Amino acid sequence: MNKKIAIASLTVLMVLPLMSMAELRLPSSNPDFSVWTIVTAVLNLIWPIFIGFAIIMFIVAGFEFLTAQGEISKVVKARQAVIWASVGVVVGVLAFSLPFVIWNQLGV
């Protein structure tokens, strides 16, 4: 009896993955649902958060300039904050525009 249960269990375990792989396409009620719509939705969600973070970083850098009171080390630290905030903005703009550039170059 145990041998029959073991064989039945192994058969089910071998057939079950085949049944789960039968549907390769995601069911969707919207025919326009694609990877591109997901990418644009995520970018449209993240973009305002990034803009807010960049503004906060520039405000912090400006505050560091104001509180430096002429001390060289604090002014250098504030300049570094402005430089890195600017680098972050450039990287963010490139990251936001790169999917659109790739999409247009592929002609999809």
N, C-alpha and C. Protein backbone atom coordinates (compact mmCIF):
# COMPACT_ATOMS: atom_id res chain seq x y z
N MET A 1 0.82 -1.19 0.00
CA MET A 1 0.00 0.00 0.00
C MET A 1 0.86 1.25 0.00
N ASN A 2 1.96 1.24 0.79
CA ASN A 2 2.84 2.40 0.84
C ASN A 2 3.51 2.67 -0.50
N LYS A 3 3.80 1.59 -1.25
CA LYS A 3 4.44 1.74 -2.54
C LYS A 3 3.50 2.44 -3.52
N LYS A 4 2.20 2.12 -3.47
CA LYS A 4 1.22 2.75 -4.35
C LYS A 4 1.08 4.24 -4.02
N ILE A 5 1.08 4.57 -2.75
CA ILE A 5 0.97 5.98 -2.34
C ILE A 5 2.21 6.75 -2.78
N ALA A 6 3.38 6.13 -2.64
CA ALA A 6 4.62 6.79 -3.05
C ALA A 6 4.65 7.02 -4.55
N ILE A 7 4.22 6.03 -5.33
CA ILE A 7 4.20 6.19 -6.79
C ILE A 7 3.18 7.24 -7.20
N ALA A 8 2.02 7.25 -6.58
CA ALA A 8 1.01 8.26 -6.89
C ALA A 8 1.50 9.66 -6.53
N SER A 9 2.15 9.78 -5.39
CA SER A 9 2.68 11.09 -4.98
C SER A 9 3.75 11.57 -5.94
N LEU A 10 4.67 10.70 -6.33
CA LEU A 10 5.71 11.09 -7.27
C LEU A 10 5.13 11.46 -8.63
N THR A 11 4.11 10.74 -9.07
CA THR A 11 3.47 11.06 -10.34
C THR A 11 2.83 12.44 -10.30
N VAL A 12 2.15 12.73 -9.22
CA VAL A 12 1.52 14.05 -9.07
C VAL A 12 2.59 15.13 -9.02
N LEU A 13 3.68 14.89 -8.30
CA LEU A 13 4.75 15.88 -8.21
C LEU A 13 5.44 16.12 -9.55
N MET A 14 5.48 15.10 -10.42
CA MET A 14 6.10 15.29 -11.72
C MET A 14 5.15 15.94 -12.73
N VAL A 15 3.87 15.70 -12.61
CA VAL A 15 2.90 16.24 -13.56
C VAL A 15 2.49 17.66 -13.19
N LEU A 16 2.48 18.00 -11.94
CA LEU A 16 2.02 19.31 -11.49
C LEU A 16 2.79 20.47 -12.12
N PRO A 17 4.12 20.43 -12.21
CA PRO A 17 4.81 21.55 -12.87
C PRO A 17 4.44 21.69 -14.34
N LEU A 18 4.16 20.58 -15.01
CA LEU A 18 3.76 20.66 -16.42
C LEU A 18 2.44 21.39 -16.58
N MET A 19 1.52 21.16 -15.66
CA MET A 19 0.23 21.86 -15.74
C MET A 19 0.39 23.34 -15.44
N SER A 20 1.29 23.69 -14.56
CA SER A 20 1.47 25.11 -14.24
C SER A 20 2.18 25.85 -15.37
N MET A 21 2.95 25.15 -16.18
CA MET A 21 3.64 25.79 -17.29
C MET A 21 2.78 25.85 -18.55
N ALA A 22 1.58 25.32 -18.51
CA ALA A 22 0.74 25.29 -19.70
C ALA A 22 0.33 26.69 -20.15
N GLU A 23 0.08 27.61 -19.24
CA GLU A 23 -0.32 28.98 -19.58
C GLU A 23 0.91 29.86 -19.57
N LEU A 24 1.35 30.27 -20.74
CA LEU A 24 2.55 31.10 -20.85
C LEU A 24 2.23 32.59 -20.86
N ARG A 25 1.00 32.95 -21.17
CA ARG A 25 0.60 34.34 -21.28
C ARG A 25 -0.20 34.73 -20.06
N LEU A 26 0.06 35.94 -19.54
CA LEU A 26 -0.70 36.41 -18.40
C LEU A 26 -2.11 36.78 -18.83
N PRO A 27 -3.11 36.31 -18.12
CA PRO A 27 -4.46 36.70 -18.48
C PRO A 27 -4.68 38.18 -18.16
N SER A 28 -5.31 38.88 -19.08
CA SER A 28 -5.51 40.30 -18.89
C SER A 28 -6.84 40.71 -19.50
N SER A 29 -7.57 41.52 -18.76
CA SER A 29 -8.83 42.03 -19.31
C SER A 29 -8.57 43.23 -20.21
N ASN A 30 -7.41 43.84 -20.09
CA ASN A 30 -7.05 45.00 -20.89
C ASN A 30 -6.08 44.56 -21.99
N PRO A 31 -6.44 44.71 -23.26
CA PRO A 31 -5.53 44.28 -24.32
C PRO A 31 -4.30 45.17 -24.45
N ASP A 32 -4.33 46.38 -23.88
CA ASP A 32 -3.18 47.28 -23.95
C ASP A 32 -2.19 47.05 -22.81
N PHE A 33 -2.42 46.06 -22.00
CA PHE A 33 -1.55 45.76 -20.87
C PHE A 33 -0.24 45.18 -21.39
N SER A 34 0.88 45.84 -21.09
CA SER A 34 2.18 45.36 -21.56
C SER A 34 3.25 45.77 -20.57
N VAL A 35 4.46 45.36 -20.86
CA VAL A 35 5.60 45.72 -20.02
C VAL A 35 5.80 47.24 -20.06
N TRP A 36 5.58 47.84 -21.23
CA TRP A 36 5.78 49.29 -21.36
C TRP A 36 4.81 50.06 -20.47
N THR A 37 3.57 49.60 -20.34
CA THR A 37 2.63 50.30 -19.47
C THR A 37 3.06 50.20 -18.01
N ILE A 38 3.64 49.07 -17.63
CA ILE A 38 4.14 48.91 -16.26
C ILE A 38 5.33 49.84 -16.03
N VAL A 39 6.25 49.90 -16.99
CA VAL A 39 7.43 50.77 -16.85
C VAL A 39 7.01 52.22 -16.72
N THR A 40 6.09 52.68 -17.57
CA THR A 40 5.67 54.08 -17.49
C THR A 40 4.92 54.36 -16.20
N ALA A 41 4.14 53.40 -15.72
CA ALA A 41 3.42 53.61 -14.46
C ALA A 41 4.40 53.73 -13.30
N VAL A 42 5.41 52.88 -13.27
CA VAL A 42 6.41 52.94 -12.20
C VAL A 42 7.20 54.24 -12.27
N LEU A 43 7.60 54.64 -13.48
CA LEU A 43 8.34 55.90 -13.63
C LEU A 43 7.49 57.09 -13.23
N ASN A 44 6.22 57.08 -13.59
CA ASN A 44 5.34 58.19 -13.21
C ASN A 44 5.08 58.22 -11.71
N LEU A 45 5.22 57.09 -11.05
CA LEU A 45 5.07 57.04 -9.60
C LEU A 45 6.34 57.52 -8.90
N ILE A 46 7.49 57.13 -9.41
CA ILE A 46 8.76 57.44 -8.76
C ILE A 46 9.22 58.86 -9.05
N TRP A 47 8.89 59.42 -10.20
CA TRP A 47 9.40 60.73 -10.60
C TRP A 47 9.08 61.83 -9.60
N PRO A 48 7.85 62.00 -9.11
CA PRO A 48 7.59 63.06 -8.12
C PRO A 48 8.36 62.86 -6.82
N ILE A 49 8.55 61.61 -6.42
CA ILE A 49 9.32 61.33 -5.22
C ILE A 49 10.77 61.78 -5.42
N PHE A 50 11.32 61.50 -6.58
CA PHE A 50 12.68 61.91 -6.89
C PHE A 50 12.81 63.43 -6.90
N ILE A 51 11.87 64.12 -7.51
CA ILE A 51 11.91 65.58 -7.55
C ILE A 51 11.87 66.16 -6.13
N GLY A 52 11.01 65.62 -5.30
CA GLY A 52 10.94 66.08 -3.91
C GLY A 52 12.24 65.85 -3.17
N PHE A 53 12.84 64.69 -3.38
CA PHE A 53 14.11 64.39 -2.72
C PHE A 53 15.22 65.33 -3.20
N ALA A 54 15.25 65.63 -4.51
CA ALA A 54 16.26 66.54 -5.05
C ALA A 54 16.10 67.94 -4.47
N ILE A 55 14.86 68.40 -4.35
CA ILE A 55 14.62 69.73 -3.77
C ILE A 55 15.08 69.77 -2.32
N ILE A 56 14.79 68.72 -1.58
CA ILE A 56 15.23 68.65 -0.18
C ILE A 56 16.75 68.66 -0.08
N MET A 57 17.43 67.95 -0.98
CA MET A 57 18.89 67.93 -0.95
C MET A 57 19.47 69.31 -1.23
N PHE A 58 18.88 70.06 -2.18
CA PHE A 58 19.38 71.41 -2.45
C PHE A 58 19.08 72.35 -1.28
N ILE A 59 17.96 72.17 -0.62
CA ILE A 59 17.65 73.00 0.55
C ILE A 59 18.65 72.71 1.67
N VAL A 60 18.97 71.45 1.88
CA VAL A 60 19.95 71.08 2.91
C VAL A 60 21.32 71.67 2.57
N ALA A 61 21.70 71.61 1.30
CA ALA A 61 22.99 72.18 0.90
C ALA A 61 23.00 73.70 1.11
N GLY A 62 21.90 74.37 0.79
CA GLY A 62 21.81 75.81 1.03
C GLY A 62 21.88 76.13 2.50
N PHE A 63 21.23 75.32 3.32
CA PHE A 63 21.29 75.52 4.77
C PHE A 63 22.72 75.34 5.28
N GLU A 64 23.44 74.38 4.71
CA GLU A 64 24.84 74.19 5.11
C GLU A 64 25.68 75.40 4.73
N PHE A 65 25.40 76.00 3.56
CA PHE A 65 26.11 77.23 3.18
C PHE A 65 25.82 78.35 4.18
N LEU A 66 24.56 78.48 4.57
CA LEU A 66 24.20 79.56 5.50
C LEU A 66 24.82 79.37 6.88
N THR A 67 24.90 78.15 7.32
CA THR A 67 25.44 77.89 8.67
C THR A 67 26.95 77.74 8.67
N ALA A 68 27.60 77.78 7.51
CA ALA A 68 29.06 77.63 7.45
C ALA A 68 29.76 78.82 8.10
N GLN A 69 29.22 80.00 7.98
CA GLN A 69 29.76 81.22 8.57
C GLN A 69 31.23 81.44 8.21
N GLY A 70 31.57 81.12 6.97
CA GLY A 70 32.92 81.38 6.49
C GLY A 70 33.95 80.33 6.82
N GLU A 71 33.60 79.31 7.56
CA GLU A 71 34.55 78.24 7.87
C GLU A 71 34.80 77.42 6.61
N ILE A 72 36.06 77.28 6.27
CA ILE A 72 36.44 76.64 5.02
C ILE A 72 35.94 75.20 4.95
N SER A 73 36.08 74.44 6.02
CA SER A 73 35.68 73.03 5.99
C SER A 73 34.18 72.88 5.78
N LYS A 74 33.39 73.75 6.39
CA LYS A 74 31.94 73.67 6.23
C LYS A 74 31.51 74.14 4.84
N VAL A 75 32.21 75.13 4.29
CA VAL A 75 31.89 75.59 2.93
C VAL A 75 32.21 74.49 1.92
N VAL A 76 33.34 73.81 2.12
CA VAL A 76 33.70 72.70 1.23
C VAL A 76 32.66 71.60 1.32
N LYS A 77 32.20 71.32 2.52
CA LYS A 77 31.17 70.29 2.71
C LYS A 77 29.87 70.70 2.01
N ALA A 78 29.51 71.97 2.09
CA ALA A 78 28.29 72.46 1.44
C ALA A 78 28.43 72.39 -0.08
N ARG A 79 29.62 72.74 -0.60
CA ARG A 79 29.85 72.64 -2.05
C ARG A 79 29.74 71.19 -2.51
N GLN A 80 30.29 70.28 -1.73
CA GLN A 80 30.18 68.86 -2.08
C GLN A 80 28.72 68.41 -2.09
N ALA A 81 27.94 68.93 -1.16
CA ALA A 81 26.51 68.58 -1.14
C ALA A 81 25.81 69.08 -2.39
N VAL A 82 26.15 70.30 -2.83
CA VAL A 82 25.55 70.84 -4.06
C VAL A 82 25.99 70.02 -5.27
N ILE A 83 27.27 69.67 -5.32
CA ILE A 83 27.78 68.88 -6.44
C ILE A 83 27.08 67.53 -6.51
N TRP A 84 26.96 66.85 -5.37
CA TRP A 84 26.34 65.52 -5.37
C TRP A 84 24.84 65.60 -5.62
N ALA A 85 24.21 66.66 -5.17
CA ALA A 85 22.79 66.84 -5.49
C ALA A 85 22.61 67.05 -6.99
N SER A 86 23.51 67.81 -7.60
CA SER A 86 23.45 68.03 -9.05
C SER A 86 23.70 66.73 -9.81
N VAL A 87 24.68 65.96 -9.36
CA VAL A 87 24.94 64.67 -9.98
C VAL A 87 23.71 63.76 -9.85
N GLY A 88 23.08 63.79 -8.71
CA GLY A 88 21.87 63.00 -8.51
C GLY A 88 20.75 63.41 -9.45
N VAL A 89 20.60 64.71 -9.68
CA VAL A 89 19.57 65.18 -10.60
C VAL A 89 19.88 64.72 -12.02
N VAL A 90 21.13 64.82 -12.43
CA VAL A 90 21.51 64.38 -13.78
C VAL A 90 21.26 62.88 -13.95
N VAL A 91 21.67 62.10 -12.97
CA VAL A 91 21.45 60.65 -13.03
C VAL A 91 19.96 60.33 -13.04
N GLY A 92 19.19 61.04 -12.24
CA GLY A 92 17.75 60.81 -12.21
C GLY A 92 17.07 61.15 -13.53
N VAL A 93 17.48 62.26 -14.14
CA VAL A 93 16.90 62.63 -15.44
C VAL A 93 17.28 61.61 -16.50
N LEU A 94 18.53 61.15 -16.48
CA LEU A 94 18.93 60.12 -17.43
C LEU A 94 18.17 58.82 -17.19
N ALA A 95 18.00 58.44 -15.94
CA ALA A 95 17.27 57.21 -15.63
C ALA A 95 15.81 57.32 -16.04
N PHE A 96 15.24 58.51 -15.93
CA PHE A 96 13.85 58.69 -16.31
C PHE A 96 13.68 58.68 -17.82
N SER A 97 14.64 59.25 -18.55
CA SER A 97 14.49 59.36 -20.00
C SER A 97 15.04 58.16 -20.76
N LEU A 98 15.89 57.37 -20.15
CA LEU A 98 16.51 56.24 -20.84
C LEU A 98 15.50 55.21 -21.37
N PRO A 99 14.49 54.80 -20.62
CA PRO A 99 13.53 53.85 -21.20
C PRO A 99 12.82 54.40 -22.44
N PHE A 100 12.52 55.69 -22.45
CA PHE A 100 11.86 56.28 -23.61
C PHE A 100 12.80 56.30 -24.82
N VAL A 101 14.07 56.60 -24.58
CA VAL A 101 15.04 56.61 -25.68
C VAL A 101 15.21 55.20 -26.24
N ILE A 102 15.34 54.23 -25.37
CA ILE A 102 15.48 52.84 -25.82
C ILE A 102 14.25 52.40 -26.58
N TRP A 103 13.09 52.75 -26.07
CA TRP A 103 11.83 52.37 -26.71
C TRP A 103 11.73 52.97 -28.11
N ASN A 104 12.14 54.23 -28.26
CA ASN A 104 12.09 54.88 -29.57
C ASN A 104 13.15 54.32 -30.52
N GLN A 105 14.32 53.98 -30.01
CA GLN A 105 15.37 53.44 -30.86
C GLN A 105 15.02 52.04 -31.36
N LEU A 106 14.33 51.28 -30.53
CA LEU A 106 13.91 49.94 -30.97
C LEU A 106 12.75 50.00 -31.94
N GLY A 107 12.05 51.12 -31.95
CA GLY A 107 10.94 51.28 -32.88
C GLY A 107 9.73 50.43 -32.53
N VAL A 108 9.58 50.15 -31.29
CA VAL A 108 8.46 49.31 -30.87
C VAL A 108 7.25 50.16 -30.60
